[in-house]
Amino acid sequence: MDINDLRGFSTVFLMVTFIGLCIWAYSSKRKKAFDEAANLPFADEELNQETMQEEARNG
């Protein structure tokens, strides 16, 4: 076994890891979690708007 075998094994390992990561990321089981994470910045804005409205009422 020489360095070229090690390079070949590492290439195959990284390719399998990449394909597995792509399958995990595009899995329909993860869609809900990713959609919630994508909307987190907007949830913060809604919370800030509600706080501002309450402060204006209590003024």
Protein backbone atom coordinates (compact mmCIF):
# COMPACT_ATOMS: atom_id res chain seq x y z
CA MET A 1 0.00 0.00 0.00
CA ASP A 2 1.46 3.32 -1.02
CA ILE A 3 0.41 6.97 -0.88
CA ASN A 4 -1.70 6.66 -4.03
CA ASP A 5 -3.94 4.06 -2.38
CA LEU A 6 -4.43 6.37 0.58
CA ARG A 7 -5.34 9.23 -1.76
CA GLY A 8 -7.86 7.00 -3.54
CA PHE A 9 -9.48 5.90 -0.28
CA SER A 10 -9.69 9.46 1.00
CA THR A 11 -11.28 10.60 -2.26
CA VAL A 12 -13.92 7.85 -2.08
CA PHE A 13 -14.56 8.60 1.61
CA LEU A 14 -15.03 12.32 0.97
CA MET A 15 -17.30 11.67 -2.02
CA VAL A 16 -19.52 9.32 0.01
CA THR A 17 -19.62 11.87 2.85
CA PHE A 18 -20.62 14.65 0.43
CA ILE A 19 -23.39 12.56 -1.14
CA GLY A 20 -24.67 11.61 2.31
CA LEU A 21 -24.73 15.25 3.36
CA CYS A 22 -26.65 16.23 0.22
CA ILE A 23 -29.21 13.48 0.82
CA TRP A 24 -29.60 14.61 4.45
CA ALA A 25 -29.99 18.27 3.49
CA TYR A 26 -32.61 17.65 0.81
CA SER A 27 -34.52 15.01 2.79
CA SER A 28 -38.22 15.68 3.17
CA LYS A 29 -37.92 14.82 6.88
CA ARG A 30 -35.73 17.91 7.41
CA LYS A 31 -37.92 20.35 5.44
CA LYS A 32 -39.95 21.52 8.44
CA ALA A 33 -36.85 22.22 10.55
CA PHE A 34 -35.15 24.09 7.71
CA ASP A 35 -38.28 26.15 7.01
CA GLU A 36 -38.48 27.14 10.67
CA ALA A 37 -34.80 28.09 10.70
CA ALA A 38 -35.25 30.15 7.53
CA ASN A 39 -38.05 32.16 9.18
CA LEU A 40 -36.18 32.94 12.41
CA PRO A 41 -35.09 36.45 11.34
CA PHE A 42 -38.70 37.36 10.58
CA ALA A 43 -39.91 36.05 13.94
CA ASP A 44 -37.52 38.47 15.66
CA GLU A 45 -38.97 41.39 13.69
CA GLU A 46 -42.52 40.41 14.65
CA LEU A 47 -41.50 40.22 18.30
CA ASN A 48 -39.90 43.67 18.11
CA GLN A 49 -42.99 45.16 16.45
CA GLU A 50 -45.24 43.72 19.17
CA THR A 51 -42.97 45.14 21.86
CA MET A 52 -42.99 48.58 20.22
CA GLN A 53 -46.77 48.55 19.96
CA GLU A 54 -47.14 47.65 23.63
CA GLU A 55 -44.74 50.41 24.64
CA ALA A 56 -46.67 52.92 22.53
CA ARG A 57 -49.93 51.92 24.21
CA ASN A 58 -48.44 52.08 27.70
CA GLY A 59 -46.44 55.13 26.77
